[in-house]
């Protein structure tokens, strides 16, 4: 996908040349075909080869992956979700001390219960 996002419309051979490792033509072709069947890339035939181009932007892809990952992580029991949120807040807070304020502003003050946490502080399991 990164090659298609960077180069735009490409043939299988174009993708192969842009890769930093040696892969079989059929491997790259199969991968692009699978991406096509998942509707992540489009293709059109030119002469005897298909030209592939991305159907989603890099940002759209990253957003979808993040939503999917969080959805899977948040599907667990309440105590696991609380621990996950705690860990995320700690990790992001270490990168940016103002993150809680940013999150509160972005969510329209819906998360006023979230507060900065000390790195070693943990949520107690709810009963």
N, C-alpha and C. Protein backbone atom coordinates (compact mmCIF):
# COMPACT_ATOMS: atom_id res chain seq x y z
N UNK A 1 0.83 -1.19 0.00
CA UNK A 1 0.00 0.00 0.00
C UNK A 1 0.87 1.25 0.00
N UNK A 2 1.95 1.22 0.77
CA UNK A 2 2.80 2.41 0.85
C UNK A 2 3.37 2.77 -0.52
N UNK A 3 3.70 1.78 -1.31
CA UNK A 3 4.22 2.05 -2.65
C UNK A 3 3.14 2.69 -3.51
N UNK A 4 1.93 2.18 -3.44
CA UNK A 4 0.84 2.76 -4.22
C UNK A 4 0.52 4.17 -3.74
N UNK A 5 0.55 4.40 -2.42
CA UNK A 5 0.30 5.76 -1.92
C UNK A 5 1.37 6.73 -2.41
N UNK A 6 2.59 6.26 -2.49
CA UNK A 6 3.70 7.11 -2.92
C UNK A 6 3.74 7.30 -4.43
N UNK A 7 3.60 6.22 -5.16
CA UNK A 7 3.79 6.26 -6.62
C UNK A 7 2.50 6.45 -7.41
N UNK A 8 1.37 6.19 -6.79
CA UNK A 8 0.11 6.26 -7.52
C UNK A 8 -0.15 4.96 -8.26
N UNK A 9 -0.64 5.05 -9.48
CA UNK A 9 -0.99 3.87 -10.26
C UNK A 9 0.26 3.09 -10.66
N UNK A 10 0.24 1.77 -10.37
CA UNK A 10 1.41 0.93 -10.63
C UNK A 10 1.02 -0.43 -11.19
N UNK A 11 1.93 -0.98 -12.00
CA UNK A 11 1.82 -2.37 -12.42
C UNK A 11 2.52 -3.23 -11.37
N UNK A 12 2.30 -4.54 -11.44
CA UNK A 12 2.95 -5.46 -10.51
C UNK A 12 4.46 -5.27 -10.56
N UNK A 13 5.00 -5.17 -11.76
CA UNK A 13 6.47 -5.00 -11.89
C UNK A 13 6.96 -3.70 -11.26
N UNK A 14 6.15 -2.64 -11.34
CA UNK A 14 6.53 -1.37 -10.70
C UNK A 14 6.62 -1.54 -9.19
N UNK A 15 5.66 -2.26 -8.63
CA UNK A 15 5.67 -2.51 -7.19
C UNK A 15 6.89 -3.35 -6.83
N UNK A 16 7.17 -4.36 -7.63
CA UNK A 16 8.34 -5.21 -7.36
C UNK A 16 9.63 -4.41 -7.35
N UNK A 17 9.78 -3.49 -8.30
CA UNK A 17 10.99 -2.67 -8.37
C UNK A 17 11.12 -1.76 -7.15
N UNK A 18 9.98 -1.28 -6.65
CA UNK A 18 10.00 -0.36 -5.51
C UNK A 18 10.23 -1.07 -4.17
N UNK A 19 9.98 -2.37 -4.13
CA UNK A 19 10.20 -3.12 -2.90
C UNK A 19 11.69 -3.22 -2.59
N UNK A 20 12.02 -3.25 -1.34
CA UNK A 20 13.43 -3.32 -0.95
C UNK A 20 13.90 -4.77 -0.76
N UNK A 21 13.08 -5.72 -1.19
CA UNK A 21 13.49 -7.12 -1.09
C UNK A 21 13.00 -7.86 -2.33
N UNK A 22 13.63 -8.99 -2.56
CA UNK A 22 13.33 -9.77 -3.76
C UNK A 22 12.16 -10.71 -3.50
N UNK A 23 11.05 -10.47 -4.17
CA UNK A 23 9.87 -11.33 -4.07
C UNK A 23 9.49 -11.81 -5.46
N UNK A 24 8.86 -12.96 -5.50
CA UNK A 24 8.40 -13.51 -6.78
C UNK A 24 7.28 -12.64 -7.34
N UNK A 25 7.23 -12.56 -8.65
CA UNK A 25 6.18 -11.80 -9.33
C UNK A 25 4.80 -12.26 -8.87
N UNK A 26 4.62 -13.58 -8.78
CA UNK A 26 3.31 -14.12 -8.40
C UNK A 26 2.93 -13.75 -6.97
N UNK A 27 3.91 -13.60 -6.10
CA UNK A 27 3.63 -13.21 -4.71
C UNK A 27 3.08 -11.79 -4.67
N UNK A 28 3.72 -10.89 -5.39
CA UNK A 28 3.27 -9.49 -5.43
C UNK A 28 1.91 -9.41 -6.14
N UNK A 29 1.75 -10.15 -7.23
CA UNK A 29 0.49 -10.15 -7.95
C UNK A 29 -0.65 -10.66 -7.07
N UNK A 30 -0.41 -11.74 -6.32
CA UNK A 30 -1.44 -12.30 -5.43
C UNK A 30 -1.80 -11.30 -4.34
N UNK A 31 -0.81 -10.63 -3.79
CA UNK A 31 -1.06 -9.64 -2.74
C UNK A 31 -1.91 -8.49 -3.28
N UNK A 32 -1.57 -7.99 -4.45
CA UNK A 32 -2.36 -6.91 -5.05
C UNK A 32 -3.78 -7.38 -5.39
N UNK A 33 -3.91 -8.61 -5.84
CA UNK A 33 -5.24 -9.14 -6.13
C UNK A 33 -6.08 -9.25 -4.86
N UNK A 34 -5.46 -9.67 -3.77
CA UNK A 34 -6.19 -9.74 -2.49
C UNK A 34 -6.61 -8.36 -2.01
N UNK A 35 -5.74 -7.38 -2.18
CA UNK A 35 -6.09 -6.00 -1.82
C UNK A 35 -7.25 -5.51 -2.70
N UNK A 36 -7.25 -5.92 -3.96
CA UNK A 36 -8.34 -5.56 -4.87
C UNK A 36 -9.65 -6.19 -4.41
N UNK A 37 -9.62 -7.47 -4.05
CA UNK A 37 -10.84 -8.15 -3.60
C UNK A 37 -11.36 -7.57 -2.29
N UNK A 38 -10.47 -7.00 -1.49
CA UNK A 38 -10.89 -6.35 -0.23
C UNK A 38 -11.29 -4.89 -0.46
N UNK A 39 -11.26 -4.47 -1.72
CA UNK A 39 -11.63 -3.11 -2.13
C UNK A 39 -10.72 -2.02 -1.54
N UNK A 40 -9.46 -2.39 -1.30
CA UNK A 40 -8.48 -1.42 -0.83
C UNK A 40 -7.73 -0.78 -2.00
N UNK A 41 -7.70 -1.49 -3.12
CA UNK A 41 -7.11 -0.93 -4.34
C UNK A 41 -8.08 -1.17 -5.49
N UNK A 42 -7.97 -0.34 -6.51
CA UNK A 42 -8.74 -0.55 -7.75
C UNK A 42 -7.73 -0.98 -8.81
N UNK A 43 -8.25 -1.52 -9.89
CA UNK A 43 -7.36 -1.90 -10.97
C UNK A 43 -8.07 -1.73 -12.31
N UNK A 44 -7.25 -1.46 -13.32
CA UNK A 44 -7.78 -1.37 -14.68
C UNK A 44 -6.75 -2.03 -15.58
N UNK A 45 -7.24 -2.64 -16.62
CA UNK A 45 -6.36 -3.37 -17.52
C UNK A 45 -5.82 -2.43 -18.59
N UNK A 46 -4.51 -2.48 -18.78
CA UNK A 46 -3.86 -1.73 -19.85
C UNK A 46 -2.93 -2.70 -20.57
N UNK A 47 -3.23 -2.93 -21.82
CA UNK A 47 -2.52 -3.95 -22.61
C UNK A 47 -2.71 -5.30 -21.92
N UNK A 48 -1.63 -5.94 -21.50
CA UNK A 48 -1.76 -7.26 -20.87
C UNK A 48 -1.58 -7.20 -19.36
N UNK A 49 -1.45 -6.02 -18.79
CA UNK A 49 -1.18 -5.91 -17.36
C UNK A 49 -2.24 -5.04 -16.67
N UNK A 50 -2.44 -5.32 -15.41
CA UNK A 50 -3.32 -4.48 -14.60
C UNK A 50 -2.53 -3.33 -14.01
N UNK A 51 -3.17 -2.18 -13.91
CA UNK A 51 -2.62 -1.03 -13.19
C UNK A 51 -3.42 -0.90 -11.90
N UNK A 52 -2.74 -0.89 -10.78
CA UNK A 52 -3.37 -0.83 -9.47
C UNK A 52 -3.21 0.56 -8.87
N UNK A 53 -4.24 1.03 -8.19
CA UNK A 53 -4.16 2.31 -7.50
C UNK A 53 -4.95 2.21 -6.19
N UNK A 54 -4.54 2.96 -5.18
CA UNK A 54 -5.21 2.85 -3.87
C UNK A 54 -6.62 3.44 -3.90
N UNK A 55 -7.52 2.79 -3.17
CA UNK A 55 -8.90 3.29 -3.02
C UNK A 55 -9.06 4.07 -1.71
N UNK A 56 -8.11 3.91 -0.81
CA UNK A 56 -8.16 4.61 0.48
C UNK A 56 -6.85 5.35 0.66
N UNK A 57 -6.92 6.46 1.37
CA UNK A 57 -5.69 7.20 1.68
C UNK A 57 -4.96 6.52 2.82
N UNK A 58 -3.74 6.89 3.00
CA UNK A 58 -2.94 6.36 4.11
C UNK A 58 -3.62 6.69 5.43
N UNK A 59 -4.11 7.90 5.58
CA UNK A 59 -4.76 8.31 6.83
C UNK A 59 -6.05 7.53 7.07
N UNK A 60 -6.83 7.31 6.02
CA UNK A 60 -8.06 6.51 6.16
C UNK A 60 -7.73 5.09 6.61
N UNK A 61 -6.65 4.53 6.07
CA UNK A 61 -6.22 3.19 6.44
C UNK A 61 -5.79 3.15 7.90
N UNK A 62 -4.97 4.11 8.31
CA UNK A 62 -4.51 4.16 9.70
C UNK A 62 -5.68 4.32 10.67
N UNK A 63 -6.64 5.17 10.31
CA UNK A 63 -7.82 5.37 11.16
C UNK A 63 -8.61 4.07 11.30
N UNK A 64 -8.79 3.35 10.19
CA UNK A 64 -9.54 2.09 10.22
C UNK A 64 -8.83 1.04 11.06
N UNK A 65 -7.52 0.95 10.91
CA UNK A 65 -6.74 -0.02 11.70
C UNK A 65 -6.82 0.32 13.18
N UNK A 66 -6.69 1.60 13.51
CA UNK A 66 -6.76 2.01 14.92
C UNK A 66 -8.14 1.73 15.51
N UNK A 67 -9.21 2.04 14.77
CA UNK A 67 -10.57 1.75 15.25
C UNK A 67 -10.78 0.26 15.46
N UNK A 68 -10.29 -0.54 14.52
CA UNK A 68 -10.44 -2.00 14.62
C UNK A 68 -9.68 -2.54 15.83
N UNK A 69 -8.44 -2.09 16.01
CA UNK A 69 -7.64 -2.54 17.13
C UNK A 69 -8.28 -2.15 18.46
N UNK A 70 -8.69 -0.90 18.58
CA UNK A 70 -9.33 -0.46 19.82
C UNK A 70 -10.64 -1.20 20.07
N UNK A 71 -11.39 -1.45 19.01
CA UNK A 71 -12.63 -2.20 19.15
C UNK A 71 -12.39 -3.59 19.72
N UNK A 72 -11.35 -4.25 19.22
CA UNK A 72 -11.01 -5.58 19.71
C UNK A 72 -10.52 -5.52 21.16
N UNK A 73 -9.69 -4.53 21.46
CA UNK A 73 -9.17 -4.41 22.83
C UNK A 73 -10.28 -4.05 23.82
N UNK A 74 -11.21 -3.22 23.39
CA UNK A 74 -12.27 -2.77 24.29
C UNK A 74 -13.39 -3.81 24.43
N UNK A 75 -13.34 -4.88 23.67
CA UNK A 75 -14.39 -5.90 23.72
C UNK A 75 -14.25 -6.81 24.94
N UNK A 76 -13.18 -6.68 25.68
CA UNK A 76 -12.95 -7.54 26.85
C UNK A 76 -13.77 -7.10 28.05
N UNK A 77 -13.52 -7.75 29.18
CA UNK A 77 -14.25 -7.41 30.40
C UNK A 77 -13.94 -5.99 30.88
N UNK A 78 -14.81 -5.45 31.72
CA UNK A 78 -14.69 -4.08 32.23
C UNK A 78 -13.31 -3.80 32.80
N UNK A 79 -12.80 -4.69 33.62
CA UNK A 79 -11.51 -4.45 34.27
C UNK A 79 -10.40 -4.36 33.22
N UNK A 80 -10.48 -5.16 32.15
CA UNK A 80 -9.48 -5.09 31.09
C UNK A 80 -9.58 -3.77 30.33
N UNK A 81 -10.80 -3.31 30.10
CA UNK A 81 -10.98 -2.03 29.41
C UNK A 81 -10.41 -0.89 30.24
N UNK A 82 -10.66 -0.92 31.54
CA UNK A 82 -10.13 0.13 32.41
C UNK A 82 -8.62 0.13 32.41
N UNK A 83 -8.01 -1.06 32.45
CA UNK A 83 -6.56 -1.16 32.43
C UNK A 83 -6.01 -0.66 31.10
N UNK A 84 -6.69 -1.00 30.02
CA UNK A 84 -6.28 -0.53 28.70
C UNK A 84 -6.29 0.99 28.64
N UNK A 85 -7.37 1.60 29.09
CA UNK A 85 -7.48 3.06 29.08
C UNK A 85 -6.39 3.68 29.96
N UNK A 86 -6.16 3.07 31.12
CA UNK A 86 -5.11 3.55 32.02
C UNK A 86 -3.75 3.52 31.33
N UNK A 87 -3.43 2.41 30.69
CA UNK A 87 -2.14 2.28 30.00
C UNK A 87 -2.00 3.27 28.85
N UNK A 88 -3.07 3.43 28.08
CA UNK A 88 -3.04 4.40 26.98
C UNK A 88 -2.81 5.82 27.49
N UNK A 89 -3.53 6.17 28.56
CA UNK A 89 -3.37 7.52 29.11
C UNK A 89 -1.95 7.73 29.62
N UNK A 90 -1.37 6.72 30.27
CA UNK A 90 0.00 6.83 30.75
C UNK A 90 0.98 7.02 29.59
N UNK A 91 0.83 6.17 28.57
CA UNK A 91 1.76 6.23 27.43
C UNK A 91 1.68 7.56 26.69
N UNK A 92 0.49 7.99 26.41
CA UNK A 92 0.32 9.24 25.68
C UNK A 92 0.70 10.42 26.57
N UNK A 93 0.37 10.34 27.85
CA UNK A 93 0.73 11.41 28.78
C UNK A 93 2.22 11.62 28.89
N UNK A 94 2.99 10.54 28.74
CA UNK A 94 4.45 10.66 28.78
C UNK A 94 4.96 11.44 27.56
N UNK A 95 4.25 11.32 26.44
CA UNK A 95 4.66 12.03 25.23
C UNK A 95 4.21 13.47 25.24
N UNK A 96 3.04 13.72 25.81
CA UNK A 96 2.46 15.06 25.80
C UNK A 96 1.69 15.27 27.09
N UNK A 97 2.23 16.08 27.97
CA UNK A 97 1.62 16.31 29.27
C UNK A 97 0.26 16.96 29.23
N UNK A 98 -0.12 17.57 28.12
CA UNK A 98 -1.41 18.25 28.02
C UNK A 98 -2.48 17.39 27.36
N UNK A 99 -2.21 16.11 27.22
CA UNK A 99 -3.12 15.26 26.45
C UNK A 99 -4.51 15.16 27.07
N UNK A 100 -4.62 15.10 28.38
CA UNK A 100 -5.94 14.98 29.00
C UNK A 100 -6.80 16.19 28.65
N UNK A 101 -6.20 17.38 28.69
CA UNK A 101 -6.94 18.57 28.32
C UNK A 101 -7.37 18.52 26.85
N UNK A 102 -6.47 18.04 26.00
CA UNK A 102 -6.80 17.92 24.57
C UNK A 102 -7.95 16.93 24.36
N UNK A 103 -7.88 15.80 25.03
CA UNK A 103 -8.94 14.79 24.89
C UNK A 103 -10.26 15.35 25.39
N UNK A 104 -10.23 16.02 26.50
CA UNK A 104 -11.46 16.62 27.05
C UNK A 104 -12.06 17.61 26.06
N UNK A 105 -11.22 18.45 25.47
CA UNK A 105 -11.69 19.43 24.51
C UNK A 105 -12.26 18.74 23.26
N UNK A 106 -11.58 17.73 22.76
CA UNK A 106 -12.02 17.05 21.55
C UNK A 106 -13.31 16.28 21.74
N UNK A 107 -13.54 15.79 22.94
CA UNK A 107 -14.75 14.99 23.19
C UNK A 107 -15.87 15.83 23.77
N UNK A 108 -15.71 17.12 23.78
CA UNK A 108 -16.78 17.99 24.28
C UNK A 108 -17.00 17.83 25.77
N UNK A 109 -15.91 17.71 26.53
CA UNK A 109 -15.96 17.59 27.99
C UNK A 109 -16.69 16.33 28.46
N UNK A 110 -16.78 15.30 27.63
CA UNK A 110 -17.46 14.07 28.02
C UNK A 110 -16.58 13.17 28.89
N UNK A 111 -15.29 13.47 28.96
CA UNK A 111 -14.41 12.60 29.74
C UNK A 111 -13.77 13.38 30.89
N UNK A 112 -14.57 14.13 31.60
CA UNK A 112 -14.03 14.92 32.70
C UNK A 112 -13.55 14.05 33.85
N UNK A 113 -13.96 12.79 33.88
CA UNK A 113 -13.49 11.89 34.93
C UNK A 113 -12.05 11.46 34.70
N UNK A 114 -11.55 11.61 33.46
CA UNK A 114 -10.18 11.22 33.18
C UNK A 114 -9.25 12.29 33.74
N UNK A 115 -8.27 11.85 34.43
CA UNK A 115 -7.30 12.78 34.99
C UNK A 115 -5.91 12.23 34.74
N UNK A 116 -4.90 13.09 34.72
CA UNK A 116 -3.55 12.58 34.55
C UNK A 116 -3.24 11.58 35.66
N UNK A 117 -2.53 10.54 35.30
CA UNK A 117 -2.21 9.49 36.28
C UNK A 117 -0.71 9.41 36.46
N UNK A 118 -0.31 9.02 37.63
CA UNK A 118 1.10 8.77 37.88
C UNK A 118 1.46 7.48 37.17
N UNK A 119 2.67 7.36 36.63
CA UNK A 119 3.03 6.18 35.85
C UNK A 119 2.84 4.85 36.58
N UNK A 120 3.01 4.82 37.89
CA UNK A 120 2.90 3.55 38.61
C UNK A 120 1.52 3.33 39.21
N UNK A 121 0.65 4.32 39.14
CA UNK A 121 -0.70 4.20 39.68
C UNK A 121 -1.54 3.29 38.79
N UNK A 122 -2.34 2.43 39.38
CA UNK A 122 -3.18 1.52 38.63
C UNK A 122 -4.62 1.63 39.11
N UNK A 123 -5.55 1.37 38.22
CA UNK A 123 -6.96 1.33 38.60
C UNK A 123 -7.21 0.07 39.40
N UNK A 124 -8.02 0.21 40.42
CA UNK A 124 -8.44 -0.97 41.18
C UNK A 124 -9.55 -1.65 40.42
N UNK A 125 -9.55 -2.98 40.38
CA UNK A 125 -10.64 -3.68 39.68
C UNK A 125 -11.97 -3.35 40.31
N UNK A 126 -12.96 -3.07 39.45
CA UNK A 126 -14.30 -2.81 39.96
C UNK A 126 -15.00 -4.13 40.18
N UNK A 127 -15.88 -4.16 41.17
CA UNK A 127 -16.55 -5.42 41.50
C UNK A 127 -17.94 -5.44 40.98
